[in-house]
Amino acid sequence: MHTNRSRLLVPAAAAFAGGAMWAAKAGLILLGIADLGWMVVASQGFMGIALLGLYRHSGERGKLARTGAALAAAAVPLSAFNSLWAEGMSIQPYTYMASIAGVLASSVMAGILARRNDALYERTGRWPLWIGTLTFPAVALGSLVHLESGVLLAGFAWMALAVRMCPPRFRAAA
């Protein structure tokens, strides 16, 4: 178990960046300005980095931690592939869905792991579990009615997780 609390600063910044990208994309769509799809794709890489930091901070080495870390780790290069090369390719929808599924499943596993690991729970609470389980239905429902509110709320949830991950001395300054 890692005791250095500042080790979560980079993952917290990645979680905040990913959440801000989701919220900005949804906000721009809701305002009728633009649909910047690349923001969601790129945000998945940041979210994968954030989840990898959580798994590293937990110090756990069990099957759940290894599986969650592997899913988060897979989301990072998939996100880069989708952002940089896959646009317009027939494989792109599949790699996009694999990336988002990896992030959400890894988030659920981080939430379960946080319930078992006091050091991780102290830093994240139930946020990863709620983000992982509620994001997909919220985004799917938003897609059905063409409303980006699910993506907007998910972005804010990731930003709240990022603030929660920061050491108290950094939270007080914000």
N, C-alpha and C. Protein backbone atom coordinates (compact mmCIF):
# COMPACT_ATOMS: atom_id res chain seq x y z
N MET A 1 0.85 -1.18 0.00
CA MET A 1 0.00 0.00 0.00
C MET A 1 0.89 1.24 0.00
N HIS A 2 0.64 2.11 -0.96
CA HIS A 2 1.43 3.33 -1.07
C HIS A 2 0.95 4.37 -0.07
N THR A 3 1.90 5.01 0.56
CA THR A 3 1.52 6.03 1.54
C THR A 3 1.70 7.44 0.99
N ASN A 4 2.44 7.59 -0.09
CA ASN A 4 2.66 8.92 -0.66
C ASN A 4 1.40 9.36 -1.40
N ARG A 5 0.66 10.30 -0.81
CA ARG A 5 -0.62 10.73 -1.38
C ARG A 5 -0.46 11.52 -2.66
N SER A 6 0.68 12.14 -2.88
CA SER A 6 0.85 12.94 -4.08
C SER A 6 1.00 12.08 -5.33
N ARG A 7 1.10 10.76 -5.18
CA ARG A 7 1.20 9.88 -6.35
C ARG A 7 -0.08 9.91 -7.18
N LEU A 8 -1.14 10.38 -6.62
CA LEU A 8 -2.40 10.43 -7.35
C LEU A 8 -2.62 11.76 -8.07
N LEU A 9 -1.67 12.66 -8.03
CA LEU A 9 -1.86 13.95 -8.70
C LEU A 9 -1.96 13.80 -10.21
N VAL A 10 -1.09 13.01 -10.82
CA VAL A 10 -1.15 12.82 -12.27
C VAL A 10 -2.43 12.09 -12.66
N PRO A 11 -2.78 10.98 -11.98
CA PRO A 11 -4.07 10.35 -12.32
C PRO A 11 -5.27 11.27 -12.07
N ALA A 12 -5.20 12.10 -11.03
CA ALA A 12 -6.31 13.04 -10.78
C ALA A 12 -6.39 14.06 -11.91
N ALA A 13 -5.25 14.55 -12.37
CA ALA A 13 -5.25 15.49 -13.49
C ALA A 13 -5.79 14.83 -14.76
N ALA A 14 -5.44 13.56 -14.97
CA ALA A 14 -5.95 12.83 -16.13
C ALA A 14 -7.46 12.64 -16.03
N ALA A 15 -7.96 12.30 -14.84
CA ALA A 15 -9.40 12.14 -14.65
C ALA A 15 -10.12 13.46 -14.89
N PHE A 16 -9.54 14.54 -14.41
CA PHE A 16 -10.15 15.85 -14.61
C PHE A 16 -10.16 16.23 -16.08
N ALA A 17 -9.05 15.99 -16.78
CA ALA A 17 -8.97 16.31 -18.20
C ALA A 17 -9.99 15.50 -19.00
N GLY A 18 -10.08 14.20 -18.70
CA GLY A 18 -11.05 13.36 -19.39
C GLY A 18 -12.48 13.80 -19.13
N GLY A 19 -12.79 14.09 -17.88
CA GLY A 19 -14.13 14.56 -17.54
C GLY A 19 -14.44 15.91 -18.17
N ALA A 20 -13.46 16.80 -18.17
CA ALA A 20 -13.67 18.12 -18.77
C ALA A 20 -13.92 18.01 -20.28
N MET A 21 -13.24 17.06 -20.92
CA MET A 21 -13.46 16.86 -22.36
C MET A 21 -14.88 16.36 -22.62
N TRP A 22 -15.34 15.43 -21.80
CA TRP A 22 -16.72 14.94 -21.97
C TRP A 22 -17.71 16.07 -21.74
N ALA A 23 -17.53 16.81 -20.66
CA ALA A 23 -18.46 17.89 -20.34
C ALA A 23 -18.43 18.98 -21.42
N ALA A 24 -17.25 19.32 -21.93
CA ALA A 24 -17.14 20.35 -22.97
C ALA A 24 -17.81 19.90 -24.26
N LYS A 25 -17.59 18.63 -24.64
CA LYS A 25 -18.23 18.11 -25.85
C LYS A 25 -19.75 18.19 -25.72
N ALA A 26 -20.28 17.72 -24.60
CA ALA A 26 -21.73 17.74 -24.39
C ALA A 26 -22.26 19.16 -24.35
N GLY A 27 -21.54 20.04 -23.67
CA GLY A 27 -21.97 21.44 -23.58
C GLY A 27 -22.01 22.11 -24.95
N LEU A 28 -21.01 21.85 -25.79
CA LEU A 28 -20.99 22.43 -27.13
C LEU A 28 -22.16 21.91 -27.97
N ILE A 29 -22.50 20.64 -27.80
CA ILE A 29 -23.64 20.09 -28.54
C ILE A 29 -24.94 20.68 -28.03
N LEU A 30 -25.09 20.74 -26.71
CA LEU A 30 -26.32 21.30 -26.14
C LEU A 30 -26.53 22.76 -26.54
N LEU A 31 -25.43 23.49 -26.69
CA LEU A 31 -25.53 24.89 -27.11
C LEU A 31 -25.66 25.05 -28.63
N GLY A 32 -25.58 23.93 -29.35
CA GLY A 32 -25.71 23.96 -30.79
C GLY A 32 -24.51 24.52 -31.51
N ILE A 33 -23.36 24.47 -30.89
CA ILE A 33 -22.16 25.06 -31.48
C ILE A 33 -21.43 24.06 -32.38
N ALA A 34 -21.07 22.90 -31.84
CA ALA A 34 -20.31 21.92 -32.62
C ALA A 34 -20.35 20.56 -31.93
N ASP A 35 -20.09 19.52 -32.72
CA ASP A 35 -19.95 18.18 -32.18
C ASP A 35 -18.51 17.74 -32.40
N LEU A 36 -17.72 17.87 -31.38
CA LEU A 36 -16.30 17.51 -31.47
C LEU A 36 -16.12 16.09 -30.94
N GLY A 37 -16.41 15.11 -31.79
CA GLY A 37 -16.34 13.71 -31.40
C GLY A 37 -14.97 13.27 -30.92
N TRP A 38 -13.92 13.91 -31.43
CA TRP A 38 -12.57 13.52 -31.02
C TRP A 38 -12.35 13.72 -29.52
N MET A 39 -13.11 14.63 -28.91
CA MET A 39 -12.93 14.90 -27.48
C MET A 39 -13.29 13.69 -26.63
N VAL A 40 -14.36 13.00 -26.99
CA VAL A 40 -14.75 11.81 -26.23
C VAL A 40 -13.72 10.70 -26.44
N VAL A 41 -13.26 10.56 -27.66
CA VAL A 41 -12.27 9.53 -27.96
C VAL A 41 -10.99 9.79 -27.19
N ALA A 42 -10.50 11.01 -27.22
CA ALA A 42 -9.27 11.34 -26.50
C ALA A 42 -9.44 11.23 -24.99
N SER A 43 -10.63 11.57 -24.51
CA SER A 43 -10.86 11.52 -23.06
C SER A 43 -10.74 10.12 -22.50
N GLN A 44 -11.05 9.12 -23.31
CA GLN A 44 -10.94 7.75 -22.83
C GLN A 44 -9.50 7.39 -22.47
N GLY A 45 -8.55 7.92 -23.20
CA GLY A 45 -7.15 7.70 -22.86
C GLY A 45 -6.80 8.31 -21.52
N PHE A 46 -7.29 9.53 -21.28
CA PHE A 46 -7.04 10.18 -19.99
C PHE A 46 -7.70 9.39 -18.85
N MET A 47 -8.91 8.90 -19.09
CA MET A 47 -9.60 8.12 -18.06
C MET A 47 -8.88 6.81 -17.78
N GLY A 48 -8.33 6.20 -18.82
CA GLY A 48 -7.53 4.99 -18.63
C GLY A 48 -6.31 5.26 -17.77
N ILE A 49 -5.64 6.38 -18.01
CA ILE A 49 -4.47 6.77 -17.21
C ILE A 49 -4.89 6.99 -15.75
N ALA A 50 -6.02 7.64 -15.55
CA ALA A 50 -6.51 7.87 -14.19
C ALA A 50 -6.77 6.56 -13.47
N LEU A 51 -7.40 5.63 -14.16
CA LEU A 51 -7.70 4.33 -13.53
C LEU A 51 -6.43 3.54 -13.26
N LEU A 52 -5.47 3.61 -14.16
CA LEU A 52 -4.19 2.94 -13.90
C LEU A 52 -3.53 3.49 -12.64
N GLY A 53 -3.63 4.80 -12.44
CA GLY A 53 -3.09 5.40 -11.22
C GLY A 53 -3.80 4.91 -9.98
N LEU A 54 -5.11 4.73 -10.07
CA LEU A 54 -5.86 4.20 -8.91
C LEU A 54 -5.42 2.78 -8.58
N TYR A 55 -5.27 1.96 -9.61
CA TYR A 55 -4.84 0.59 -9.36
C TYR A 55 -3.43 0.55 -8.78
N ARG A 56 -2.56 1.40 -9.28
CA ARG A 56 -1.19 1.45 -8.75
C ARG A 56 -1.20 1.91 -7.29
N HIS A 57 -2.03 2.91 -6.99
CA HIS A 57 -2.12 3.43 -5.63
C HIS A 57 -2.65 2.38 -4.66
N SER A 58 -3.53 1.52 -5.13
CA SER A 58 -4.14 0.53 -4.23
C SER A 58 -3.12 -0.48 -3.73
N GLY A 59 -2.09 -0.77 -4.52
CA GLY A 59 -1.10 -1.75 -4.12
C GLY A 59 -1.61 -3.19 -4.22
N GLU A 60 -2.83 -3.37 -4.67
CA GLU A 60 -3.41 -4.71 -4.81
C GLU A 60 -2.80 -5.44 -5.99
N ARG A 61 -2.69 -6.76 -5.87
CA ARG A 61 -2.14 -7.59 -6.94
C ARG A 61 -3.06 -8.76 -7.28
N GLY A 62 -4.28 -8.76 -6.80
CA GLY A 62 -5.21 -9.86 -7.05
C GLY A 62 -5.76 -9.84 -8.47
N LYS A 63 -6.59 -10.83 -8.77
CA LYS A 63 -7.15 -10.96 -10.12
C LYS A 63 -7.99 -9.74 -10.50
N LEU A 64 -8.79 -9.24 -9.56
CA LEU A 64 -9.63 -8.09 -9.86
C LEU A 64 -8.79 -6.87 -10.22
N ALA A 65 -7.75 -6.62 -9.45
CA ALA A 65 -6.87 -5.48 -9.71
C ALA A 65 -6.12 -5.65 -11.03
N ARG A 66 -5.63 -6.84 -11.30
CA ARG A 66 -4.90 -7.08 -12.55
C ARG A 66 -5.82 -6.95 -13.77
N THR A 67 -7.04 -7.47 -13.66
CA THR A 67 -7.99 -7.38 -14.77
C THR A 67 -8.39 -5.93 -15.01
N GLY A 68 -8.72 -5.21 -13.95
CA GLY A 68 -9.09 -3.80 -14.09
C GLY A 68 -7.97 -2.97 -14.67
N ALA A 69 -6.76 -3.21 -14.20
CA ALA A 69 -5.61 -2.47 -14.72
C ALA A 69 -5.36 -2.81 -16.18
N ALA A 70 -5.54 -4.07 -16.55
CA ALA A 70 -5.35 -4.47 -17.95
C ALA A 70 -6.39 -3.80 -18.86
N LEU A 71 -7.63 -3.73 -18.40
CA LEU A 71 -8.68 -3.06 -19.19
C LEU A 71 -8.38 -1.57 -19.33
N ALA A 72 -7.94 -0.94 -18.25
CA ALA A 72 -7.59 0.48 -18.31
C ALA A 72 -6.38 0.69 -19.22
N ALA A 73 -5.41 -0.20 -19.11
CA ALA A 73 -4.21 -0.08 -19.94
C ALA A 73 -4.55 -0.28 -21.42
N ALA A 74 -5.49 -1.16 -21.72
CA ALA A 74 -5.89 -1.37 -23.11
C ALA A 74 -6.62 -0.16 -23.67
N ALA A 75 -7.34 0.56 -22.82
CA ALA A 75 -8.10 1.72 -23.28
C ALA A 75 -7.20 2.85 -23.75
N VAL A 76 -6.01 2.96 -23.20
CA VAL A 76 -5.11 4.07 -23.55
C VAL A 76 -4.64 3.96 -25.01
N PRO A 77 -4.03 2.82 -25.44
CA PRO A 77 -3.62 2.77 -26.85
C PRO A 77 -4.82 2.72 -27.81
N LEU A 78 -5.92 2.10 -27.40
CA LEU A 78 -7.11 2.10 -28.25
C LEU A 78 -7.61 3.53 -28.48
N SER A 79 -7.57 4.33 -27.43
CA SER A 79 -7.98 5.72 -27.55
C SER A 79 -7.05 6.48 -28.50
N ALA A 80 -5.76 6.24 -28.35
CA ALA A 80 -4.79 6.89 -29.25
C ALA A 80 -5.01 6.45 -30.69
N PHE A 81 -5.24 5.16 -30.90
CA PHE A 81 -5.50 4.65 -32.24
C PHE A 81 -6.75 5.30 -32.84
N ASN A 82 -7.81 5.36 -32.03
CA ASN A 82 -9.06 5.97 -32.51
C ASN A 82 -8.88 7.45 -32.83
N SER A 83 -8.12 8.14 -31.99
CA SER A 83 -7.93 9.58 -32.19
C SER A 83 -7.07 9.90 -33.40
N LEU A 84 -6.03 9.10 -33.60
CA LEU A 84 -5.02 9.46 -34.59
C LEU A 84 -5.18 8.79 -35.96
N TRP A 85 -5.63 7.53 -35.97
CA TRP A 85 -5.59 6.80 -37.23
C TRP A 85 -6.92 6.20 -37.68
N ALA A 86 -7.82 5.91 -36.78
CA ALA A 86 -8.99 5.12 -37.14
C ALA A 86 -10.13 5.89 -37.78
N GLU A 87 -10.07 7.20 -37.80
CA GLU A 87 -11.17 8.00 -38.34
C GLU A 87 -11.48 7.56 -39.77
N GLY A 88 -12.71 7.16 -39.99
CA GLY A 88 -13.14 6.74 -41.31
C GLY A 88 -12.88 5.28 -41.64
N MET A 89 -12.14 4.58 -40.81
CA MET A 89 -11.88 3.16 -41.06
C MET A 89 -13.09 2.34 -40.62
N SER A 90 -13.29 1.20 -41.26
CA SER A 90 -14.44 0.36 -40.91
C SER A 90 -14.31 -0.24 -39.51
N ILE A 91 -13.11 -0.33 -38.99
CA ILE A 91 -12.88 -0.92 -37.66
C ILE A 91 -13.13 0.09 -36.54
N GLN A 92 -13.19 1.38 -36.85
CA GLN A 92 -13.27 2.42 -35.83
C GLN A 92 -14.43 2.27 -34.85
N PRO A 93 -15.66 1.96 -35.27
CA PRO A 93 -16.73 1.82 -34.26
C PRO A 93 -16.44 0.71 -33.24
N TYR A 94 -15.77 -0.34 -33.68
CA TYR A 94 -15.48 -1.46 -32.78
C TYR A 94 -14.37 -1.10 -31.80
N THR A 95 -13.35 -0.42 -32.27
CA THR A 95 -12.26 -0.04 -31.36
C THR A 95 -12.74 1.04 -30.39
N TYR A 96 -13.65 1.90 -30.86
CA TYR A 96 -14.22 2.92 -29.97
C TYR A 96 -15.02 2.26 -28.86
N MET A 97 -15.88 1.31 -29.21
CA MET A 97 -16.71 0.64 -28.20
C MET A 97 -15.84 -0.19 -27.25
N ALA A 98 -14.79 -0.82 -27.78
CA ALA A 98 -13.89 -1.58 -26.91
C ALA A 98 -13.20 -0.66 -25.91
N SER A 99 -12.81 0.52 -26.36
CA SER A 99 -12.15 1.48 -25.49
C SER A 99 -13.09 1.96 -24.38
N ILE A 100 -14.30 2.37 -24.74
CA ILE A 100 -15.23 2.88 -23.73
C ILE A 100 -15.67 1.76 -22.79
N ALA A 101 -15.86 0.55 -23.32
CA ALA A 101 -16.23 -0.59 -22.46
C ALA A 101 -15.11 -0.90 -21.49
N GLY A 102 -13.87 -0.81 -21.96
CA GLY A 102 -12.73 -1.05 -21.08
C GLY A 102 -12.65 -0.04 -19.95
N VAL A 103 -12.88 1.22 -20.27
CA VAL A 103 -12.85 2.27 -19.25
C VAL A 103 -13.96 2.06 -18.22
N LEU A 104 -15.18 1.80 -18.70
CA LEU A 104 -16.30 1.65 -17.77
C LEU A 104 -16.17 0.38 -16.91
N ALA A 105 -15.77 -0.73 -17.52
CA ALA A 105 -15.60 -1.97 -16.75
C ALA A 105 -14.47 -1.81 -15.74
N SER A 106 -13.38 -1.16 -16.15
CA SER A 106 -12.27 -0.92 -15.24
C SER A 106 -12.70 -0.01 -14.09
N SER A 107 -13.56 0.95 -14.38
CA SER A 107 -14.06 1.85 -13.34
C SER A 107 -14.89 1.09 -12.31
N VAL A 108 -15.73 0.18 -12.78
CA VAL A 108 -16.53 -0.64 -11.86
C VAL A 108 -15.60 -1.49 -10.99
N MET A 109 -14.60 -2.09 -11.61
CA MET A 109 -13.65 -2.92 -10.85
C MET A 109 -12.87 -2.08 -9.84
N ALA A 110 -12.52 -0.85 -10.20
CA ALA A 110 -11.83 0.04 -9.25
C ALA A 110 -12.75 0.36 -8.07
N GLY A 111 -14.04 0.54 -8.35
CA GLY A 111 -15.00 0.80 -7.27
C GLY A 111 -15.13 -0.38 -6.33
N ILE A 112 -15.18 -1.59 -6.89
CA ILE A 112 -15.26 -2.80 -6.06
C ILE A 112 -13.98 -2.94 -5.25
N LEU A 113 -12.85 -2.70 -5.90
CA LEU A 113 -11.56 -2.78 -5.21
C LEU A 113 -11.47 -1.73 -4.10
N ALA A 114 -12.02 -0.54 -4.34
CA ALA A 114 -11.98 0.52 -3.33
C ALA A 114 -12.74 0.12 -2.08
N ARG A 115 -13.81 -0.65 -2.23
CA ARG A 115 -14.57 -1.10 -1.06
C ARG A 115 -13.75 -2.07 -0.22
N ARG A 116 -12.79 -2.74 -0.85
CA ARG A 116 -11.96 -3.73 -0.14
C ARG A 116 -10.66 -3.13 0.38
N ASN A 117 -10.28 -1.97 -0.14
CA ASN A 117 -8.97 -1.39 0.15
C ASN A 117 -9.16 -0.03 0.81
N ASP A 118 -8.83 0.07 2.08
CA ASP A 118 -9.07 1.31 2.83
C ASP A 118 -8.34 2.51 2.24
N ALA A 119 -7.09 2.31 1.80
CA ALA A 119 -6.32 3.44 1.26
C ALA A 119 -6.97 3.99 0.00
N LEU A 120 -7.48 3.11 -0.84
CA LEU A 120 -8.12 3.56 -2.08
C LEU A 120 -9.50 4.15 -1.79
N TYR A 121 -10.23 3.53 -0.88
CA TYR A 121 -11.57 4.02 -0.56
C TYR A 121 -11.51 5.41 0.07
N GLU A 122 -10.48 5.63 0.88
CA GLU A 122 -10.30 6.94 1.51
C GLU A 122 -10.16 8.03 0.45
N ARG A 123 -9.56 7.69 -0.68
CA ARG A 123 -9.31 8.66 -1.73
C ARG A 123 -10.42 8.77 -2.76
N THR A 124 -11.20 7.69 -2.97
CA THR A 124 -12.17 7.71 -4.06
C THR A 124 -13.61 7.52 -3.62
N GLY A 125 -13.80 6.95 -2.45
CA GLY A 125 -15.16 6.62 -2.04
C GLY A 125 -15.80 5.66 -3.03
N ARG A 126 -17.06 5.85 -3.31
CA ARG A 126 -17.76 4.98 -4.26
C ARG A 126 -17.82 5.57 -5.66
N TRP A 127 -17.13 6.67 -5.90
CA TRP A 127 -17.20 7.33 -7.20
C TRP A 127 -16.88 6.43 -8.38
N PRO A 128 -15.77 5.65 -8.36
CA PRO A 128 -15.50 4.81 -9.55
C PRO A 128 -16.62 3.82 -9.83
N LEU A 129 -17.20 3.24 -8.78
CA LEU A 129 -18.27 2.27 -8.97
C LEU A 129 -19.50 2.94 -9.59
N TRP A 130 -19.88 4.10 -9.06
CA TRP A 130 -21.04 4.80 -9.60
C TRP A 130 -20.80 5.29 -11.02
N ILE A 131 -19.62 5.78 -11.29
CA ILE A 131 -19.30 6.24 -12.65
C ILE A 131 -19.40 5.08 -13.63
N GLY A 132 -18.79 3.97 -13.26
CA GLY A 132 -18.78 2.82 -14.17
C GLY A 132 -20.16 2.23 -14.42
N THR A 133 -21.00 2.19 -13.40
CA THR A 133 -22.30 1.56 -13.58
C THR A 133 -23.35 2.50 -14.15
N LEU A 134 -23.25 3.79 -13.89
CA LEU A 134 -24.29 4.72 -14.34
C LEU A 134 -23.97 5.45 -15.65
N THR A 135 -22.72 5.49 -16.05
CA THR A 135 -22.36 6.22 -17.26
C THR A 135 -22.97 5.59 -18.50
N PHE A 136 -22.82 4.28 -18.64
CA PHE A 136 -23.31 3.66 -19.87
C PHE A 136 -24.81 3.84 -20.07
N PRO A 137 -25.66 3.57 -19.05
CA PRO A 137 -27.09 3.81 -19.26
C PRO A 137 -27.42 5.28 -19.53
N ALA A 138 -26.72 6.19 -18.86
CA ALA A 138 -26.99 7.61 -19.07
C ALA A 138 -26.62 8.04 -20.49
N VAL A 139 -25.49 7.57 -20.97
CA VAL A 139 -25.06 7.92 -22.33
C VAL A 139 -25.95 7.24 -23.36
N ALA A 140 -26.31 5.97 -23.12
CA ALA A 140 -27.18 5.25 -24.06
C ALA A 140 -28.55 5.92 -24.15
N LEU A 141 -29.11 6.30 -23.01
CA LEU A 141 -30.40 6.98 -23.02
C LEU A 141 -30.29 8.32 -23.73
N GLY A 142 -29.21 9.02 -23.49
CA GLY A 142 -28.99 10.30 -24.18
C GLY A 142 -28.88 10.12 -25.68
N SER A 143 -28.28 9.01 -26.12
CA SER A 143 -28.17 8.75 -27.55
C SER A 143 -29.53 8.47 -28.17
N LEU A 144 -30.39 7.80 -27.43
CA LEU A 144 -31.71 7.47 -27.96
C LEU A 144 -32.57 8.71 -28.17
N VAL A 145 -32.47 9.66 -27.26
CA VAL A 145 -33.30 10.87 -27.38
C VAL A 145 -32.49 12.07 -27.88
N HIS A 146 -31.27 11.80 -28.35
CA HIS A 146 -30.40 12.84 -28.90
C HIS A 146 -30.19 13.99 -27.91
N LEU A 147 -29.92 13.62 -26.70
CA LEU A 147 -29.65 14.62 -25.67
C LEU A 147 -28.33 14.26 -25.00
N GLU A 148 -27.45 15.18 -24.89
CA GLU A 148 -26.11 14.93 -24.37
C GLU A 148 -26.01 15.08 -22.86
N SER A 149 -27.12 15.13 -22.17
CA SER A 149 -27.06 15.34 -20.72
C SER A 149 -26.35 14.21 -20.00
N GLY A 150 -26.46 12.97 -20.48
CA GLY A 150 -25.76 11.85 -19.86
C GLY A 150 -24.25 12.01 -19.94
N VAL A 151 -23.77 12.44 -21.09
CA VAL A 151 -22.34 12.68 -21.26
C VAL A 151 -21.89 13.85 -20.40
N LEU A 152 -22.72 14.89 -20.31
CA LEU A 152 -22.40 16.05 -19.48
C LEU A 152 -22.28 15.64 -18.01
N LEU A 153 -23.24 14.88 -17.52
CA LEU A 153 -23.20 14.43 -16.12
C LEU A 153 -22.02 13.49 -15.87
N ALA A 154 -21.73 12.62 -16.82
CA ALA A 154 -20.58 11.72 -16.67
C ALA A 154 -19.29 12.52 -16.62
N GLY A 155 -19.18 13.56 -17.43
CA GLY A 155 -17.99 14.41 -17.39
C GLY A 155 -17.81 15.08 -16.04
N PHE A 156 -18.92 15.61 -15.52
CA PHE A 156 -18.84 16.22 -14.19
C PHE A 156 -18.50 15.20 -13.11
N ALA A 157 -19.00 13.97 -13.25
CA ALA A 157 -18.68 12.91 -12.27
C ALA A 157 -17.19 12.58 -12.30
N TRP A 158 -16.60 12.52 -13.50
CA TRP A 158 -15.15 12.27 -13.58
C TRP A 158 -14.36 13.42 -12.96
N MET A 159 -14.82 14.65 -13.16
CA MET A 159 -14.12 15.79 -12.57
C MET A 159 -14.25 15.75 -11.04
N ALA A 160 -15.41 15.33 -10.53
CA ALA A 160 -15.59 15.21 -9.08
C ALA A 160 -14.68 14.12 -8.52
N LEU A 161 -14.55 13.01 -9.25
CA LEU A 161 -13.62 11.96 -8.83
C LEU A 161 -12.20 12.50 -8.77
N ALA A 162 -11.83 13.31 -9.75
CA ALA A 162 -10.48 13.88 -9.78
C ALA A 162 -10.23 14.74 -8.55
N VAL A 163 -11.20 15.56 -8.18
CA VAL A 163 -11.05 16.40 -6.98
C VAL A 163 -10.93 15.52 -5.75
N ARG A 164 -11.72 14.46 -5.69
CA ARG A 164 -11.67 13.55 -4.55
C ARG A 164 -10.32 12.84 -4.46
N MET A 165 -9.70 12.58 -5.59
CA MET A 165 -8.41 11.88 -5.61
C MET A 165 -7.27 12.77 -5.12
N CYS A 166 -7.41 14.07 -5.22
CA CYS A 166 -6.34 14.98 -4.82
C CYS A 166 -6.14 14.96 -3.31
N PRO A 167 -4.91 15.11 -2.86
CA PRO A 167 -4.67 15.22 -1.43
C PRO A 167 -5.40 16.43 -0.87
N PRO A 168 -5.78 16.39 0.41
CA PRO A 168 -6.55 17.50 1.01
C PRO A 168 -5.89 18.86 0.85
N ARG A 169 -4.57 18.93 0.90
CA ARG A 169 -3.92 20.24 0.80
C ARG A 169 -4.12 20.86 -0.59
N PHE A 170 -4.31 20.02 -1.62
CA PHE A 170 -4.57 20.54 -2.96
C PHE A 170 -6.05 20.88 -3.13
N ARG A 171 -6.92 20.13 -2.47
CA ARG A 171 -8.37 20.40 -2.56
C ARG A 171 -8.71 21.73 -1.92
N ALA A 172 -8.02 22.09 -0.84
CA ALA A 172 -8.30 23.34 -0.13
C ALA A 172 -7.94 24.54 -1.00
N ALA A 173 -6.94 24.38 -1.86
CA ALA A 173 -6.51 25.49 -2.71
C ALA A 173 -7.47 25.71 -3.87
N ALA A 174 -8.25 24.69 -4.24
CA ALA A 174 -9.13 24.81 -5.41
C ALA A 174 -10.39 25.59 -5.10
